[in-house]
PDB file of N, CA and C in Angstrom:
ATOM      1  N   MET A   1    -103.301 107.744 169.344  1.00  0.00           N
ATOM      2  CA  MET A   1    -102.949 109.055 169.860  1.00  0.00           C
ATOM      3  C   MET A   1    -103.841 109.372 171.048  1.00  0.00           C
ATOM      4  N   ALA A   2    -103.268 110.003 172.044  1.00  0.00           N
ATOM      5  CA  ALA A   2    -104.007 110.387 173.242  1.00  0.00           C
ATOM      6  C   ALA A   2    -104.266 111.884 173.233  1.00  0.00           C
ATOM      7  N   THR A   3    -105.398 112.253 173.795  1.00  0.00           N
ATOM      8  CA  THR A   3    -105.747 113.655 173.979  1.00  0.00           C
ATOM      9  C   THR A   3    -106.065 113.861 175.453  1.00  0.00           C
ATOM     10  N   ILE A   4    -105.516 114.919 176.035  1.00  0.00           N
ATOM     11  CA  ILE A   4    -105.806 115.269 177.420  1.00  0.00           C
ATOM     12  C   ILE A   4    -106.510 116.614 177.412  1.00  0.00           C
ATOM     13  N   LYS A   5    -107.745 116.619 177.903  1.00  0.00           N
ATOM     14  CA  LYS A   5    -108.531 117.848 177.953  1.00  0.00           C
ATOM     15  C   LYS A   5    -108.577 118.355 179.387  1.00  0.00           C
ATOM     16  N   VAL A   6    -108.203 119.617 179.566  1.00  0.00           N
ATOM     17  CA  VAL A   6    -108.267 120.252 180.873  1.00  0.00           C
ATOM     18  C   VAL A   6    -109.693 120.753 181.053  1.00  0.00           C
ATOM     19  N   ARG A   7    -110.397 120.179 182.022  1.00  0.00           N
ATOM     20  CA  ARG A   7    -111.778 120.576 182.277  1.00  0.00           C
ATOM     21  C   ARG A   7    -111.787 121.755 183.254  1.00  0.00           C
ATOM     22  N   GLU A   8    -112.616 122.741 182.984  1.00  0.00           N
ATOM     23  CA  GLU A   8    -112.679 123.917 183.857  1.00  0.00           C
ATOM     24  C   GLU A   8    -113.083 123.505 185.270  1.00  0.00           C
ATOM     25  N   ASN A   9    -112.229 123.811 186.231  1.00  0.00           N
ATOM     26  CA  ASN A   9    -112.454 123.495 187.638  1.00  0.00           C
ATOM     27  C   ASN A   9    -112.732 122.017 187.878  1.00  0.00           C
ATOM     28  N   GLY A  10    -112.181 121.179 187.015  1.00  0.00           N
ATOM     29  CA  GLY A  10    -112.415 119.743 187.140  1.00  0.00           C
ATOM     30  C   GLY A  10    -111.184 118.949 186.780  1.00  0.00           C
ATOM     31  N   PRO A  11    -111.386 117.697 186.407  1.00  0.00           N
ATOM     32  CA  PRO A  11    -110.269 116.791 186.166  1.00  0.00           C
ATOM     33  C   PRO A  11    -109.640 116.958 184.792  1.00  0.00           C
ATOM     34  N   LEU A  12    -108.617 116.155 184.554  1.00  0.00           N
ATOM     35  CA  LEU A  12    -108.010 116.030 183.234  1.00  0.00           C
ATOM     36  C   LEU A  12    -108.680 114.840 182.558  1.00  0.00           C
ATOM     37  N   LEU A  13    -109.358 115.067 181.462  1.00  0.00           N
ATOM     38  CA  LEU A  13    -110.038 114.005 180.733  1.00  0.00           C
ATOM     39  C   LEU A  13    -109.070 113.428 179.714  1.00  0.00           C
ATOM     40  N   VAL A  14    -108.774 112.133 179.833  1.00  0.00           N
ATOM     41  CA  VAL A  14    -107.801 111.461 178.968  1.00  0.00           C
ATOM     42  C   VAL A  14    -108.555 110.569 177.994  1.00  0.00           C
ATOM     43  N   GLU A  15    -108.370 110.845 176.705  1.00  0.00           N
ATOM     44  CA  GLU A  15    -109.026 110.080 175.650  1.00  0.00           C
ATOM     45  C   GLU A  15    -107.960 109.412 174.794  1.00  0.00           C
ATOM     46  N   GLY A  16    -108.234 108.199 174.363  1.00  0.00           N
ATOM     47  CA  GLY A  16    -107.304 107.468 173.512  1.00  0.00           C
ATOM     48  C   GLY A  16    -107.089 106.066 174.028  1.00  0.00           C
ATOM     49  N   ASP A  17    -106.749 105.176 173.121  1.00  0.00           N
ATOM     50  CA  ASP A  17    -106.554 103.778 173.484  1.00  0.00           C
ATOM     51  C   ASP A  17    -105.101 103.430 173.777  1.00  0.00           C
ATOM     52  N   ASP A  18    -104.183 104.307 173.449  1.00  0.00           N
ATOM     53  CA  ASP A  18    -102.767 104.001 173.622  1.00  0.00           C
ATOM     54  C   ASP A  18    -102.177 104.690 174.849  1.00  0.00           C
ATOM     55  N   VAL A  19    -102.938 104.701 175.955  1.00  0.00           N
ATOM     56  CA  VAL A  19    -102.517 105.386 177.178  1.00  0.00           C
ATOM     57  C   VAL A  19    -102.375 104.364 178.300  1.00  0.00           C
ATOM     58  N   THR A  20    -101.295 104.479 179.042  1.00  0.00           N
ATOM     59  CA  THR A  20    -101.081 103.670 180.238  1.00  0.00           C
ATOM     60  C   THR A  20    -100.768 104.628 181.380  1.00  0.00           C
ATOM     61  N   VAL A  21    -101.412 104.438 182.516  1.00  0.00           N
ATOM     62  CA  VAL A  21    -101.134 105.232 183.707  1.00  0.00           C
ATOM     63  C   VAL A  21    -100.306 104.357 184.638  1.00  0.00           C
ATOM     64  N   VAL A  22     -99.112 104.846 185.007  1.00  0.00           N
ATOM     65  CA  VAL A  22     -98.227 104.081 185.882  1.00  0.00           C
ATOM     66  C   VAL A  22     -97.901 104.875 187.142  1.00  0.00           C
ATOM     67  N   ASP A  23     -97.666 104.156 188.247  1.00  0.00           N
ATOM     68  CA  ASP A  23     -97.296 104.826 189.492  1.00  0.00           C
ATOM     69  C   ASP A  23     -95.786 105.034 189.543  1.00  0.00           C
ATOM     70  N   TRP A  24     -95.289 105.548 190.658  1.00  0.00           N
ATOM     71  CA  TRP A  24     -93.869 105.892 190.779  1.00  0.00           C
ATOM     72  C   TRP A  24     -92.965 104.659 190.764  1.00  0.00           C
ATOM     73  N   ASN A  25     -93.555 103.470 190.926  1.00  0.00           N
ATOM     74  CA  ASN A  25     -92.788 102.227 190.847  1.00  0.00           C
ATOM     75  C   ASN A  25     -92.810 101.618 189.450  1.00  0.00           C
ATOM     76  N   GLY A  26     -93.540 102.242 188.553  1.00  0.00           N
ATOM     77  CA  GLY A  26     -93.657 101.729 187.203  1.00  0.00           C
ATOM     78  C   GLY A  26     -94.773 100.710 187.023  1.00  0.00           C
ATOM     79  N   ASP A  27     -95.603 100.541 188.067  1.00  0.00           N
ATOM     80  CA  ASP A  27     -96.720  99.608 187.996  1.00  0.00           C
ATOM     81  C   ASP A  27     -97.921 100.278 187.354  1.00  0.00           C
ATOM     82  N   ALA A  28     -98.546  99.591 186.411  1.00  0.00           N
ATOM     83  CA  ALA A  28     -99.686 100.153 185.687  1.00  0.00           C
ATOM     84  C   ALA A  28    -100.963 100.048 186.503  1.00  0.00           C
ATOM     85  N   TYR A  29    -101.764 101.101 186.461  1.00  0.00           N
ATOM     86  CA  TYR A  29    -103.099 101.077 187.052  1.00  0.00           C
ATOM     87  C   TYR A  29    -104.043 100.398 186.073  1.00  0.00           C
ATOM     88  N   PRO A  30    -104.976  99.595 186.563  1.00  0.00           N
ATOM     89  CA  PRO A  30    -105.992  99.047 185.659  1.00  0.00           C
ATOM     90  C   PRO A  30    -106.953 100.159 185.251  1.00  0.00           C
ATOM     91  N   LEU A  31    -107.290 100.205 183.986  1.00  0.00           N
ATOM     92  CA  LEU A  31    -108.204 101.226 183.483  1.00  0.00           C
ATOM     93  C   LEU A  31    -109.548 100.560 183.195  1.00  0.00           C
ATOM     94  N   ALA A  32    -110.536 100.870 184.019  1.00  0.00           N
ATOM     95  CA  ALA A  32    -111.847 100.236 183.913  1.00  0.00           C
ATOM     96  C   ALA A  32    -112.648 100.747 182.720  1.00  0.00           C
ATOM     97  N   LYS A  33    -112.383 101.982 182.311  1.00  0.00           N
ATOM     98  CA  LYS A  33    -113.145 102.543 181.194  1.00  0.00           C
ATOM     99  C   LYS A  33    -112.302 103.573 180.471  1.00  0.00           C
ATOM    100  N   ARG A  34    -112.738 103.909 179.292  1.00  0.00           N
ATOM    101  CA  ARG A  34    -112.121 104.973 178.492  1.00  0.00           C
ATOM    102  C   ARG A  34    -113.229 105.796 177.880  1.00  0.00           C
ATOM    103  N   PRO A  35    -113.132 107.068 177.825  1.00  0.00           N
ATOM    104  CA  PRO A  35    -112.067 107.878 178.421  1.00  0.00           C
ATOM    105  C   PRO A  35    -112.109 107.806 179.946  1.00  0.00           C
ATOM    106  N   PHE A  36    -111.042 108.293 180.583  1.00  0.00           N
ATOM    107  CA  PHE A  36    -110.993 108.337 182.034  1.00  0.00           C
ATOM    108  C   PHE A  36    -110.521 109.716 182.465  1.00  0.00           C
ATOM    109  N   ALA A  37    -110.763 110.040 183.730  1.00  0.00           N
ATOM    110  CA  ALA A  37    -110.427 111.362 184.239  1.00  0.00           C
ATOM    111  C   ALA A  37    -109.420 111.245 185.376  1.00  0.00           C
ATOM    112  N   LEU A  38    -108.412 112.113 185.338  1.00  0.00           N
ATOM    113  CA  LEU A  38    -107.407 112.176 186.388  1.00  0.00           C
ATOM    114  C   LEU A  38    -107.711 113.366 187.295  1.00  0.00           C
ATOM    115  N   CYS A  39    -107.624 113.131 188.604  1.00  0.00           N
ATOM    116  CA  CYS A  39    -107.931 114.154 189.606  1.00  0.00           C
ATOM    117  C   CYS A  39    -106.929 115.305 189.533  1.00  0.00           C
ATOM    118  N   ARG A  40    -107.449 116.534 189.636  1.00  0.00           N
ATOM    119  CA  ARG A  40    -106.588 117.722 189.743  1.00  0.00           C
ATOM    120  C   ARG A  40    -106.724 118.394 191.086  1.00  0.00           C
ATOM    121  N   CYS A  41    -107.812 118.109 191.831  1.00  0.00           N
ATOM    122  CA  CYS A  41    -108.031 118.808 193.101  1.00  0.00           C
ATOM    123  C   CYS A  41    -107.256 118.174 194.252  1.00  0.00           C
ATOM    124  N   GLY A  42    -106.842 116.905 194.081  1.00  0.00           N
ATOM    125  CA  GLY A  42    -106.099 116.224 195.123  1.00  0.00           C
ATOM    126  C   GLY A  42    -106.948 115.633 196.227  1.00  0.00           C
ATOM    127  N   GLN A  43    -108.268 115.687 196.100  1.00  0.00           N
ATOM    128  CA  GLN A  43    -109.147 115.221 197.163  1.00  0.00           C
ATOM    129  C   GLN A  43    -109.916 113.954 196.824  1.00  0.00           C
ATOM    130  N   SER A  44    -109.704 113.391 195.649  1.00  0.00           N
ATOM    131  CA  SER A  44    -110.418 112.182 195.234  1.00  0.00           C
ATOM    132  C   SER A  44    -110.095 111.013 196.156  1.00  0.00           C
ATOM    133  N   GLY A  45    -111.088 110.206 196.439  1.00  0.00           N
ATOM    134  CA  GLY A  45    -110.880 108.992 197.207  1.00  0.00           C
ATOM    135  C   GLY A  45    -110.382 107.857 196.335  1.00  0.00           C
ATOM    136  N   ASN A  46    -110.228 108.121 195.035  1.00  0.00           N
ATOM    137  CA  ASN A  46    -109.811 107.108 194.066  1.00  0.00           C
ATOM    138  C   ASN A  46    -108.605 107.591 193.263  1.00  0.00           C
ATOM    139  N   ARG A  47    -107.724 108.369 193.914  1.00  0.00           N
ATOM    140  CA  ARG A  47    -106.576 108.918 193.205  1.00  0.00           C
ATOM    141  C   ARG A  47    -105.720 107.823 192.592  1.00  0.00           C
ATOM    142  N   PRO A  48    -105.199 108.066 191.423  1.00  0.00           N
ATOM    143  CA  PRO A  48    -105.097 109.324 190.707  1.00  0.00           C
ATOM    144  C   PRO A  48    -106.330 109.652 189.865  1.00  0.00           C
ATOM    145  N   PHE A  49    -107.358 108.823 189.961  1.00  0.00           N
ATOM    146  CA  PHE A  49    -108.545 109.041 189.142  1.00  0.00           C
ATOM    147  C   PHE A  49    -109.547 109.945 189.848  1.00  0.00           C
ATOM    148  N   CYS A  50    -110.332 110.657 189.068  1.00  0.00           N
ATOM    149  CA  CYS A  50    -111.336 111.577 189.593  1.00  0.00           C
ATOM    150  C   CYS A  50    -112.568 110.795 190.048  1.00  0.00           C
ATOM    151  N   ASP A  51    -113.117 111.180 191.200  1.00  0.00           N
ATOM    152  CA  ASP A  51    -114.374 110.592 191.666  1.00  0.00           C
ATOM    153  C   ASP A  51    -115.474 111.638 191.823  1.00  0.00           C
ATOM    154  N   GLY A  52    -115.233 112.848 191.316  1.00  0.00           N
ATOM    155  CA  GLY A  52    -116.236 113.913 191.371  1.00  0.00           C
ATOM    156  C   GLY A  52    -116.170 114.778 192.612  1.00  0.00           C
ATOM    157  N   THR A  53    -115.223 114.533 193.510  1.00  0.00           N
ATOM    158  CA  THR A  53    -115.116 115.306 194.745  1.00  0.00           C
ATOM    159  C   THR A  53    -114.934 116.790 194.481  1.00  0.00           C
ATOM    160  N   HIS A  54    -114.291 117.157 193.372  1.00  0.00           N
ATOM    161  CA  HIS A  54    -114.053 118.569 193.061  1.00  0.00           C
ATOM    162  C   HIS A  54    -115.361 119.372 193.058  1.00  0.00           C
ATOM    163  N   LYS A  55    -116.466 118.724 192.715  1.00  0.00           N
ATOM    164  CA  LYS A  55    -117.766 119.413 192.685  1.00  0.00           C
ATOM    165  C   LYS A  55    -118.234 119.765 194.089  1.00  0.00           C
ATOM    166  N   THR A  56    -117.995 118.887 195.051  1.00  0.00           N
ATOM    167  CA  THR A  56    -118.499 119.125 196.400  1.00  0.00           C
ATOM    168  C   THR A  56    -117.605 120.049 197.217  1.00  0.00           C
ATOM    169  N   ILE A  57    -116.323 120.172 196.825  1.00  0.00           N
ATOM    170  CA  ILE A  57    -115.418 121.043 197.587  1.00  0.00           C
ATOM    171  C   ILE A  57    -115.267 122.418 196.957  1.00  0.00           C
ATOM    172  N   GLY A  58    -115.874 122.613 195.782  1.00  0.00           N
ATOM    173  CA  GLY A  58    -115.788 123.913 195.121  1.00  0.00           C
ATOM    174  C   GLY A  58    -114.415 124.203 194.555  1.00  0.00           C
ATOM    175  N   CYS A  59    -113.790 123.217 193.950  1.00  0.00           N
ATOM    176  CA  CYS A  59    -112.455 123.377 193.371  1.00  0.00           C
ATOM    177  C   CYS A  59    -112.421 124.502 192.340  1.00  0.00           C
ATOM    178  N   LYS A  60    -111.420 125.336 192.431  1.00  0.00           N
ATOM    179  CA  LYS A  60    -111.202 126.423 191.473  1.00  0.00           C
ATOM    180  C   LYS A  60    -109.815 126.254 190.895  1.00  0.00           C
ATOM    181  N   ALA A  61    -109.740 125.625 189.746  1.00  0.00           N
ATOM    182  CA  ALA A  61    -108.450 125.359 189.111  1.00  0.00           C
ATOM    183  C   ALA A  61    -107.893 126.632 188.467  1.00  0.00           C
ATOM    184  N   SER A  62    -106.590 126.769 188.521  1.00  0.00           N
ATOM    185  CA  SER A  62    -105.973 127.973 187.974  1.00  0.00           C
ATOM    186  C   SER A  62    -105.385 127.756 186.580  1.00  0.00           C
ATOM    187  N   ALA A  63    -105.234 126.505 186.185  1.00  0.00           N
ATOM    188  CA  ALA A  63    -104.564 126.221 184.913  1.00  0.00           C
ATOM    189  C   ALA A  63    -105.529 126.229 183.719  1.00  0.00           C
ATOM    190  N   ALA A  64    -105.096 126.840 182.676  1.00  0.00           N
ATOM    191  CA  ALA A  64    -105.805 126.813 181.389  1.00  0.00           C
ATOM    192  C   ALA A  64    -104.745 126.833 180.292  1.00  0.00           C
ATOM    193  N   ALA A  65    -105.076 126.270 179.164  1.00  0.00           N
ATOM    194  CA  ALA A  65    -104.099 126.230 178.077  1.00  0.00           C
ATOM    195  C   ALA A  65    -103.862 127.607 177.506  1.00  0.00           C
TER     196      ALA A  65
END
């Protein structure tokens, strides 16, 4: 089972071993570690994964559960 945690003003933290991230062509991204974080600010140099850029740009996310 996978769990996705919405981090305040940060990325989506994805936990679980049964997760595959695929692009629009259906090609899987290699996952170097678990858990992993998906970018929400759109400014990561490693999209779709988070590289911490949200901290330096002052990202203010509007979504909460």
